[in-house]
PDB file of N, CA and C in Angstrom:
ATOM      1  N   MET A   1    -239.330  -4.815  38.518  1.00  0.00           N
ATOM      2  CA  MET A   1    -240.578  -5.132  38.630  1.00  0.00           C
ATOM      3  C   MET A   1    -241.607  -4.077  38.877  1.00  0.00           C
ATOM      4  N   LEU A   2    -241.046  -2.828  39.726  1.00  0.00           N
ATOM      5  CA  LEU A   2    -242.089  -2.005  40.209  1.00  0.00           C
ATOM      6  C   LEU A   2    -242.380  -0.902  38.835  1.00  0.00           C
ATOM      7  N   ALA A   3    -241.331  -0.706  38.471  1.00  0.00           N
ATOM      8  CA  ALA A   3    -241.493   0.141  37.194  1.00  0.00           C
ATOM      9  C   ALA A   3    -242.838  -0.254  36.267  1.00  0.00           C
ATOM     10  N   LEU A   4    -242.726  -1.870  35.949  1.00  0.00           N
ATOM     11  CA  LEU A   4    -243.366  -2.344  34.883  1.00  0.00           C
ATOM     12  C   LEU A   4    -244.975  -2.447  35.436  1.00  0.00           C
ATOM     13  N   GLU A   5    -244.960  -2.612  36.988  1.00  0.00           N
ATOM     14  CA  GLU A   5    -246.458  -2.525  37.687  1.00  0.00           C
ATOM     15  C   GLU A   5    -246.742  -1.257  37.574  1.00  0.00           C
ATOM     16  N   ASN A   6    -245.949  -0.064  37.510  1.00  0.00           N
ATOM     17  CA  ASN A   6    -246.333   1.219  37.483  1.00  0.00           C
ATOM     18  C   ASN A   6    -246.556   1.695  35.872  1.00  0.00           C
ATOM     19  N   GLY A   7    -246.623   0.995  34.999  1.00  0.00           N
ATOM     20  CA  GLY A   7    -246.594   1.309  33.496  1.00  0.00           C
ATOM     21  C   GLY A   7    -245.901   1.925  32.809  1.00  0.00           C
ATOM     22  N   LYS A   8    -244.487   1.686  33.437  1.00  0.00           N
ATOM     23  CA  LYS A   8    -243.170   2.391  32.703  1.00  0.00           C
ATOM     24  C   LYS A   8    -242.473   1.647  31.624  1.00  0.00           C
ATOM     25  N   HIS A   9    -243.458   1.187  30.905  1.00  0.00           N
ATOM     26  CA  HIS A   9    -243.135   0.402  29.724  1.00  0.00           C
ATOM     27  C   HIS A   9    -241.873   0.690  28.934  1.00  0.00           C
ATOM     28  N   GLU A  10    -241.876   1.926  28.712  1.00  0.00           N
ATOM     29  CA  GLU A  10    -240.489   2.174  27.689  1.00  0.00           C
ATOM     30  C   GLU A  10    -239.286   2.406  28.692  1.00  0.00           C
ATOM     31  N   TYR A  11    -239.348   2.706  30.138  1.00  0.00           N
ATOM     32  CA  TYR A  11    -238.441   2.457  30.627  1.00  0.00           C
ATOM     33  C   TYR A  11    -237.810   1.155  30.834  1.00  0.00           C
ATOM     34  N   CYS A  12    -238.756   0.052  30.711  1.00  0.00           N
ATOM     35  CA  CYS A  12    -238.213  -1.243  30.804  1.00  0.00           C
ATOM     36  C   CYS A  12    -237.758  -1.511  29.796  1.00  0.00           C
ATOM     37  N   LYS A  13    -238.335  -1.266  28.903  1.00  0.00           N
ATOM     38  CA  LYS A  13    -237.678  -1.748  27.575  1.00  0.00           C
ATOM     39  C   LYS A  13    -236.207  -1.082  27.437  1.00  0.00           C
ATOM     40  N   GLU A  14    -235.966   0.086  27.860  1.00  0.00           N
ATOM     41  CA  GLU A  14    -234.812   0.885  27.655  1.00  0.00           C
ATOM     42  C   GLU A  14    -233.643   0.019  28.524  1.00  0.00           C
ATOM     43  N   GLN A  15    -234.325  -0.632  29.579  1.00  0.00           N
ATOM     44  CA  GLN A  15    -233.219  -1.370  30.603  1.00  0.00           C
ATOM     45  C   GLN A  15    -233.083  -2.781  29.770  1.00  0.00           C
ATOM     46  N   LEU A  16    -234.071  -3.174  29.319  1.00  0.00           N
ATOM     47  CA  LEU A  16    -233.688  -4.946  28.935  1.00  0.00           C
ATOM     48  C   LEU A  16    -233.028  -4.738  27.466  1.00  0.00           C
ATOM     49  N   THR A  17    -232.905  -3.361  26.768  1.00  0.00           N
ATOM     50  CA  THR A  17    -231.878  -3.347  25.658  1.00  0.00           C
ATOM     51  C   THR A  17    -230.291  -3.092  26.415  1.00  0.00           C
ATOM     52  N   GLU A  18    -230.466  -2.343  27.406  1.00  0.00           N
ATOM     53  CA  GLU A  18    -229.119  -2.226  28.002  1.00  0.00           C
ATOM     54  C   GLU A  18    -228.564  -3.658  28.473  1.00  0.00           C
ATOM     55  N   ILE A  19    -229.406  -4.223  29.068  1.00  0.00           N
ATOM     56  CA  ILE A  19    -228.816  -5.776  29.775  1.00  0.00           C
ATOM     57  C   ILE A  19    -228.748  -6.859  28.347  1.00  0.00           C
ATOM     58  N   GLU A  20    -229.331  -6.538  27.328  1.00  0.00           N
ATOM     59  CA  GLU A  20    -229.109  -7.395  26.161  1.00  0.00           C
ATOM     60  C   GLU A  20    -227.843  -6.997  25.512  1.00  0.00           C
ATOM     61  N   GLY A  21    -227.426  -5.559  25.733  1.00  0.00           N
ATOM     62  CA  GLY A  21    -226.039  -5.398  24.977  1.00  0.00           C
ATOM     63  C   GLY A  21    -224.922  -5.990  25.936  1.00  0.00           C
ATOM     64  N   LYS A  22    -225.243  -5.901  27.260  1.00  0.00           N
ATOM     65  CA  LYS A  22    -223.957  -6.112  28.187  1.00  0.00           C
ATOM     66  C   LYS A  22    -223.775  -7.782  28.122  1.00  0.00           C
ATOM     67  N   LEU A  23    -225.028  -8.736  27.777  1.00  0.00           N
ATOM     68  CA  LEU A  23    -224.870  -9.960  27.828  1.00  0.00           C
ATOM     69  C   LEU A  23    -224.343 -10.443  26.346  1.00  0.00           C
ATOM     70  N   HIS A  24    -224.427  -9.699  25.232  1.00  0.00           N
ATOM     71  CA  HIS A  24    -223.851  -9.937  24.303  1.00  0.00           C
ATOM     72  C   HIS A  24    -222.388  -9.612  24.263  1.00  0.00           C
ATOM     73  N   LYS A  25    -221.908  -8.547  24.808  1.00  0.00           N
ATOM     74  CA  LYS A  25    -220.685  -8.301  25.114  1.00  0.00           C
ATOM     75  C   LYS A  25    -220.011  -9.184  25.934  1.00  0.00           C
ATOM     76  N   ARG A  26    -220.348  -9.831  26.906  1.00  0.00           N
ATOM     77  CA  ARG A  26    -219.872 -10.711  27.705  1.00  0.00           C
ATOM     78  C   ARG A  26    -219.918 -11.797  27.083  1.00  0.00           C
ATOM     79  N   ASN A  27    -220.485 -12.700  26.127  1.00  0.00           N
ATOM     80  CA  ASN A  27    -220.525 -13.837  25.604  1.00  0.00           C
ATOM     81  C   ASN A  27    -219.542 -13.676  24.536  1.00  0.00           C
ATOM     82  N   GLU A  28    -219.324 -12.626  23.916  1.00  0.00           N
ATOM     83  CA  GLU A  28    -218.290 -12.401  22.935  1.00  0.00           C
ATOM     84  C   GLU A  28    -217.106 -12.291  23.587  1.00  0.00           C
ATOM     85  N   CYS A  29    -216.592 -11.912  25.210  1.00  0.00           N
ATOM     86  CA  CYS A  29    -215.520 -11.767  25.646  1.00  0.00           C
ATOM     87  C   CYS A  29    -215.035 -13.441  25.993  1.00  0.00           C
ATOM     88  N   ILE A  30    -216.287 -14.129  26.456  1.00  0.00           N
ATOM     89  CA  ILE A  30    -216.199 -15.648  26.856  1.00  0.00           C
ATOM     90  C   ILE A  30    -215.789 -16.276  25.355  1.00  0.00           C
ATOM     91  N   LYS A  31    -216.160 -16.085  24.422  1.00  0.00           N
ATOM     92  CA  LYS A  31    -215.678 -16.822  23.232  1.00  0.00           C
ATOM     93  C   LYS A  31    -214.607 -16.508  23.116  1.00  0.00           C
ATOM     94  N   ILE A  32    -213.974 -15.135  23.091  1.00  0.00           N
ATOM     95  CA  ILE A  32    -212.647 -14.989  22.738  1.00  0.00           C
ATOM     96  C   ILE A  32    -211.673 -15.617  23.705  1.00  0.00           C
ATOM     97  N   ALA A  33    -212.044 -15.381  25.086  1.00  0.00           N
ATOM     98  CA  ALA A  33    -211.255 -16.361  26.148  1.00  0.00           C
ATOM     99  C   ALA A  33    -211.164 -17.941  26.041  1.00  0.00           C
ATOM    100  N   ASP A  34    -212.241 -18.225  25.323  1.00  0.00           N
ATOM    101  CA  ASP A  34    -212.058 -19.856  25.180  1.00  0.00           C
ATOM    102  C   ASP A  34    -211.451 -20.268  23.904  1.00  0.00           C
ATOM    103  N   SER A  35    -211.350 -19.295  23.213  1.00  0.00           N
ATOM    104  CA  SER A  35    -210.586 -19.667  21.955  1.00  0.00           C
ATOM    105  C   SER A  35    -209.408 -19.153  21.579  1.00  0.00           C
ATOM    106  N   SER A  36    -208.642 -18.363  22.686  1.00  0.00           N
ATOM    107  CA  SER A  36    -207.451 -18.011  22.694  1.00  0.00           C
ATOM    108  C   SER A  36    -206.481 -18.598  23.751  1.00  0.00           C
ATOM    109  N   ALA A  37    -205.465 -18.863  23.022  1.00  0.00           N
ATOM    110  CA  ALA A  37    -204.180 -19.830  24.133  1.00  0.00           C
ATOM    111  C   ALA A  37    -204.077 -18.811  25.137  1.00  0.00           C
ATOM    112  N   GLY A  38    -204.135 -17.475  25.148  1.00  0.00           N
ATOM    113  CA  GLY A  38    -203.972 -16.329  26.164  1.00  0.00           C
ATOM    114  C   GLY A  38    -205.008 -16.275  27.040  1.00  0.00           C
ATOM    115  N   GLY A  39    -206.097 -16.919  26.748  1.00  0.00           N
ATOM    116  CA  GLY A  39    -207.161 -17.105  27.671  1.00  0.00           C
ATOM    117  C   GLY A  39    -207.766 -15.584  27.851  1.00  0.00           C
ATOM    118  N   TRP A  40    -208.139 -15.330  29.356  1.00  0.00           N
ATOM    119  CA  TRP A  40    -208.647 -13.868  29.814  1.00  0.00           C
ATOM    120  C   TRP A  40    -208.004 -12.999  29.847  1.00  0.00           C
ATOM    121  N   GLU A  41    -206.425 -13.248  29.539  1.00  0.00           N
ATOM    122  CA  GLU A  41    -205.534 -11.848  29.423  1.00  0.00           C
ATOM    123  C   GLU A  41    -205.646 -11.470  28.259  1.00  0.00           C
ATOM    124  N   THR A  42    -205.894 -12.417  27.322  1.00  0.00           N
ATOM    125  CA  THR A  42    -206.554 -11.879  25.903  1.00  0.00           C
ATOM    126  C   THR A  42    -207.527 -10.800  25.710  1.00  0.00           C
ATOM    127  N   VAL A  43    -208.439 -11.190  26.550  1.00  0.00           N
ATOM    128  CA  VAL A  43    -209.891 -10.431  26.641  1.00  0.00           C
ATOM    129  C   VAL A  43    -209.372  -9.134  27.416  1.00  0.00           C
ATOM    130  N   ARG A  44    -208.681  -9.168  28.648  1.00  0.00           N
ATOM    131  CA  ARG A  44    -208.335  -7.933  29.092  1.00  0.00           C
ATOM    132  C   ARG A  44    -207.264  -6.916  28.072  1.00  0.00           C
ATOM    133  N   GLN A  45    -206.294  -7.397  27.655  1.00  0.00           N
ATOM    134  CA  GLN A  45    -205.687  -6.823  26.529  1.00  0.00           C
ATOM    135  C   GLN A  45    -206.706  -6.150  25.568  1.00  0.00           C
ATOM    136  N   TYR A  46    -207.701  -6.830  24.994  1.00  0.00           N
ATOM    137  CA  TYR A  46    -208.788  -6.716  23.781  1.00  0.00           C
ATOM    138  C   TYR A  46    -209.407  -5.226  24.109  1.00  0.00           C
ATOM    139  N   GLU A  47    -210.145  -5.450  25.811  1.00  0.00           N
ATOM    140  CA  GLU A  47    -210.688  -4.255  26.157  1.00  0.00           C
ATOM    141  C   GLU A  47    -210.268  -3.268  26.777  1.00  0.00           C
ATOM    142  N   SER A  48    -209.038  -3.238  26.841  1.00  0.00           N
ATOM    143  CA  SER A  48    -207.864  -2.013  27.242  1.00  0.00           C
ATOM    144  C   SER A  48    -207.590  -1.162  25.961  1.00  0.00           C
ATOM    145  N   ASN A  49    -208.031  -1.371  25.047  1.00  0.00           N
ATOM    146  CA  ASN A  49    -207.798  -0.845  24.003  1.00  0.00           C
ATOM    147  C   ASN A  49    -208.998  -0.645  22.621  1.00  0.00           C
ATOM    148  N   PRO A  50    -210.109   0.128  23.463  1.00  0.00           N
ATOM    149  CA  PRO A  50    -211.528   0.059  22.715  1.00  0.00           C
ATOM    150  C   PRO A  50    -211.600   1.299  21.387  1.00  0.00           C
ATOM    151  N   ILE A  51    -210.322   1.621  20.733  1.00  0.00           N
ATOM    152  CA  ILE A  51    -210.552   2.547  19.594  1.00  0.00           C
ATOM    153  C   ILE A  51    -210.799   1.837  18.349  1.00  0.00           C
ATOM    154  N   ALA A  52    -210.543   0.709  18.246  1.00  0.00           N
ATOM    155  CA  ALA A  52    -210.847  -0.203  17.132  1.00  0.00           C
ATOM    156  C   ALA A  52    -212.097  -0.061  16.498  1.00  0.00           C
ATOM    157  N   SER A  53    -212.523  -0.105  15.041  1.00  0.00           N
ATOM    158  CA  SER A  53    -214.141  -0.340  14.972  1.00  0.00           C
ATOM    159  C   SER A  53    -214.350  -1.880  14.744  1.00  0.00           C
ATOM    160  N   ASP A  54    -215.618  -2.200  14.324  1.00  0.00           N
ATOM    161  CA  ASP A  54    -215.741  -3.387  14.087  1.00  0.00           C
ATOM    162  C   ASP A  54    -215.089  -4.268  13.148  1.00  0.00           C
ATOM    163  N   SER A  55    -214.880  -3.398  12.021  1.00  0.00           N
ATOM    164  CA  SER A  55    -214.072  -3.964  10.842  1.00  0.00           C
ATOM    165  C   SER A  55    -212.705  -4.415  11.230  1.00  0.00           C
ATOM    166  N   ALA A  56    -212.117  -3.597  12.473  1.00  0.00           N
ATOM    167  CA  ALA A  56    -210.714  -3.907  12.830  1.00  0.00           C
ATOM    168  C   ALA A  56    -210.777  -4.856  14.085  1.00  0.00           C
ATOM    169  N   ASP A  57    -211.701  -5.650  14.387  1.00  0.00           N
ATOM    170  CA  ASP A  57    -211.998  -6.099  15.509  1.00  0.00           C
ATOM    171  C   ASP A  57    -210.871  -7.666  15.258  1.00  0.00           C
ATOM    172  N   GLU A  58    -211.050  -8.179  14.012  1.00  0.00           N
ATOM    173  CA  GLU A  58    -209.999  -9.304  14.056  1.00  0.00           C
ATOM    174  C   GLU A  58    -208.935  -9.182  14.180  1.00  0.00           C
ATOM    175  N   SER A  59    -208.299  -8.017  13.472  1.00  0.00           N
ATOM    176  CA  SER A  59    -206.814  -7.653  13.977  1.00  0.00           C
ATOM    177  C   SER A  59    -206.559  -7.163  15.362  1.00  0.00           C
ATOM    178  N   LYS A  60    -207.645  -6.730  16.024  1.00  0.00           N
ATOM    179  CA  LYS A  60    -207.710  -6.059  17.307  1.00  0.00           C
ATOM    180  C   LYS A  60    -207.202  -7.450  18.366  1.00  0.00           C
ATOM    181  N   ILE A  61    -207.959  -8.200  18.190  1.00  0.00           N
ATOM    182  CA  ILE A  61    -208.040  -9.621  18.827  1.00  0.00           C
ATOM    183  C   ILE A  61    -206.802 -10.202  18.693  1.00  0.00           C
ATOM    184  N   TYR A  62    -206.351 -10.341  17.414  1.00  0.00           N
ATOM    185  CA  TYR A  62    -204.746 -11.049  16.913  1.00  0.00           C
ATOM    186  C   TYR A  62    -204.018 -10.209  18.045  1.00  0.00           C
ATOM    187  N   LYS A  63    -203.759  -9.043  17.864  1.00  0.00           N
ATOM    188  CA  LYS A  63    -202.753  -8.237  18.703  1.00  0.00           C
ATOM    189  C   LYS A  63    -202.937  -8.492  20.170  1.00  0.00           C
ATOM    190  N   ALA A  64    -204.385  -8.476  20.773  1.00  0.00           N
ATOM    191  CA  ALA A  64    -204.371  -8.509  21.991  1.00  0.00           C
ATOM    192  C   ALA A  64    -203.733  -9.890  22.538  1.00  0.00           C
ATOM    193  N   GLU A  65    -204.137 -10.738  21.569  1.00  0.00           N
ATOM    194  CA  GLU A  65    -203.877 -12.249  21.997  1.00  0.00           C
ATOM    195  C   GLU A  65    -202.274 -12.114  21.966  1.00  0.00           C
ATOM    196  N   ASN A  66    -201.540 -11.684  21.036  1.00  0.00           N
ATOM    197  CA  ASN A  66    -200.227 -11.677  20.867  1.00  0.00           C
ATOM    198  C   ASN A  66    -199.614 -11.157  22.314  1.00  0.00           C
ATOM    199  N   ARG A  67    -199.983  -9.798  22.753  1.00  0.00           N
ATOM    200  CA  ARG A  67    -199.768  -9.400  24.011  1.00  0.00           C
ATOM    201  C   ARG A  67    -199.880 -10.261  25.094  1.00  0.00           C
ATOM    202  N   ALA A  68    -201.338 -10.871  25.222  1.00  0.00           N
ATOM    203  CA  ALA A  68    -201.430 -11.535  26.423  1.00  0.00           C
ATOM    204  C   ALA A  68    -200.551 -12.963  26.704  1.00  0.00           C
ATOM    205  N   LEU A  69    -200.081 -13.287  25.256  1.00  0.00           N
ATOM    206  CA  LEU A  69    -198.975 -14.773  25.399  1.00  0.00           C
ATOM    207  C   LEU A  69    -197.644 -13.821  25.854  1.00  0.00           C
ATOM    208  N   LYS A  70    -197.361 -12.879  25.414  1.00  0.00           N
ATOM    209  CA  LYS A  70    -196.245 -12.253  25.919  1.00  0.00           C
ATOM    210  C   LYS A  70    -195.991 -12.177  27.224  1.00  0.00           C
ATOM    211  N   ARG A  71    -197.414 -11.656  27.923  1.00  0.00           N
ATOM    212  CA  ARG A  71    -197.216 -11.470  29.398  1.00  0.00           C
ATOM    213  C   ARG A  71    -197.014 -12.805  30.238  1.00  0.00           C
ATOM    214  N   LYS A  72    -197.650 -13.982  29.435  1.00  0.00           N
ATOM    215  CA  LYS A  72    -198.058 -15.051  30.135  1.00  0.00           C
ATOM    216  C   LYS A  72    -196.451 -15.599  29.981  1.00  0.00           C
ATOM    217  N   ARG A  73    -195.843 -15.503  29.227  1.00  0.00           N
ATOM    218  CA  ARG A  73    -194.292 -16.094  29.460  1.00  0.00           C
ATOM    219  C   ARG A  73    -193.389 -15.410  30.021  1.00  0.00           C
ATOM    220  N   SER A  74    -193.550 -13.931  30.386  1.00  0.00           N
ATOM    221  CA  SER A  74    -192.530 -13.364  31.350  1.00  0.00           C
ATOM    222  C   SER A  74    -193.103 -13.569  32.524  1.00  0.00           C
TER     223      SER A  74
END
């Protein structure tokens, strides 16, 4: 709030953009956990290997879910 009051509008925009990105990522993780039998373990596996590009996300989620289910079983 202080930055806004001091006219640092560009800084505020940068911070809001960063927060928006974090919220988007968090919402994506929640959707993955909700739709996966592995739950949050799938999300942990998904996030632990950040090399895949956006086009490979579907495959990455599938593999993460399989790893999560294997961990849950053992």
